[in-house]
Amino acid sequence: MDKDRIAHDLALIIVENVLEDIDDEFGIRQYSLEAADIYKKAKEIIMTQLDQES
């Protein structure tokens, strides 16, 4: 498995865990934007860590 795939999979797990904690008051549009933002940030952090470890 390559680094990009590992980062993608881990970022999705992070999004899932974080969104479980978000209040149900969010509308679907805000929920989607939040999910995309969390994913992008998580993947960047994971890729940085993977690059440092190689």
C-alpha atoms as a PDB file:
ATOM      1  CA  MET A   1       0.000   0.000   0.000  1.00  0.00           C
ATOM      2  CA  ASP A   2       1.442   3.395  -0.941  1.00  0.00           C
ATOM      3  CA  LYS A   3       1.670   6.433   1.337  1.00  0.00           C
ATOM      4  CA  ASP A   4      -1.176   8.276  -0.371  1.00  0.00           C
ATOM      5  CA  ARG A   5      -3.563   5.350   0.137  1.00  0.00           C
ATOM      6  CA  ILE A   6      -2.523   4.968   3.789  1.00  0.00           C
ATOM      7  CA  ALA A   7      -3.037   8.689   4.388  1.00  0.00           C
ATOM      8  CA  HIS A   8      -6.413   8.583   2.632  1.00  0.00           C
ATOM      9  CA  ASP A   9      -7.660   5.641   4.688  1.00  0.00           C
ATOM     10  CA  LEU A  10      -6.466   7.101   7.994  1.00  0.00           C
ATOM     11  CA  ALA A  11      -7.945  10.513   7.165  1.00  0.00           C
ATOM     12  CA  LEU A  12     -11.335   8.898   6.514  1.00  0.00           C
ATOM     13  CA  ILE A  13     -11.194   7.171   9.894  1.00  0.00           C
ATOM     14  CA  ILE A  14     -10.430  10.503  11.555  1.00  0.00           C
ATOM     15  CA  VAL A  15     -13.339  12.195   9.750  1.00  0.00           C
ATOM     16  CA  GLU A  16     -15.700   9.438  10.825  1.00  0.00           C
ATOM     17  CA  ASN A  17     -14.630   9.707  14.469  1.00  0.00           C
ATOM     18  CA  VAL A  18     -14.777  13.500  14.580  1.00  0.00           C
ATOM     19  CA  LEU A  19     -18.159  13.725  12.871  1.00  0.00           C
ATOM     20  CA  GLU A  20     -19.653  11.314  15.395  1.00  0.00           C
ATOM     21  CA  ASP A  21     -18.975  13.999  18.001  1.00  0.00           C
ATOM     22  CA  ILE A  22     -20.527  16.868  16.029  1.00  0.00           C
ATOM     23  CA  ASP A  23     -23.876  18.073  17.276  1.00  0.00           C
ATOM     24  CA  ASP A  24     -26.948  17.158  15.223  1.00  0.00           C
ATOM     25  CA  GLU A  25     -27.752  20.861  14.828  1.00  0.00           C
ATOM     26  CA  PHE A  26     -25.503  21.074  11.756  1.00  0.00           C
ATOM     27  CA  GLY A  27     -27.280  21.184   8.437  1.00  0.00           C
ATOM     28  CA  ILE A  28     -26.170  18.816   5.697  1.00  0.00           C
ATOM     29  CA  ARG A  29     -24.272  21.548   3.834  1.00  0.00           C
ATOM     30  CA  GLN A  30     -22.283  22.585   6.909  1.00  0.00           C
ATOM     31  CA  TYR A  31     -21.752  18.929   7.803  1.00  0.00           C
ATOM     32  CA  SER A  32     -20.324  18.218   4.334  1.00  0.00           C
ATOM     33  CA  LEU A  33     -18.016  21.233   4.435  1.00  0.00           C
ATOM     34  CA  GLU A  34     -16.771  20.240   7.881  1.00  0.00           C
ATOM     35  CA  ALA A  35     -16.112  16.665   6.726  1.00  0.00           C
ATOM     36  CA  ALA A  36     -14.126  17.826   3.691  1.00  0.00           C
ATOM     37  CA  ASP A  37     -12.076  20.247   5.774  1.00  0.00           C
ATOM     38  CA  ILE A  38     -11.269  17.632   8.425  1.00  0.00           C
ATOM     39  CA  TYR A  39     -10.256  15.157   5.714  1.00  0.00           C
ATOM     40  CA  LYS A  40      -7.896  17.605   3.989  1.00  0.00           C
ATOM     41  CA  LYS A  41      -6.203  18.630   7.230  1.00  0.00           C
ATOM     42  CA  ALA A  42      -5.884  15.064   8.490  1.00  0.00           C
ATOM     43  CA  LYS A  43      -4.425  13.801   5.203  1.00  0.00           C
ATOM     44  CA  GLU A  44      -1.855  16.622   5.121  1.00  0.00           C
ATOM     45  CA  ILE A  45      -0.728  15.815   8.665  1.00  0.00           C
ATOM     46  CA  ILE A  46      -0.560  12.072   7.967  1.00  0.00           C
ATOM     47  CA  MET A  47       1.416  12.578   4.743  1.00  0.00           C
ATOM     48  CA  THR A  48       3.884  14.811   6.591  1.00  0.00           C
ATOM     49  CA  GLN A  49       4.352  12.154   9.268  1.00  0.00           C
ATOM     50  CA  LEU A  50       4.775   9.376   6.718  1.00  0.00           C
ATOM     51  CA  ASP A  51       7.349  11.433   4.804  1.00  0.00           C
ATOM     52  CA  GLN A  52       9.323  12.033   7.999  1.00  0.00           C
ATOM     53  CA  GLU A  53       9.346   8.342   8.847  1.00  0.00           C
ATOM     54  CA  SER A  54      10.689   7.228   5.463  1.00  0.00           C
END
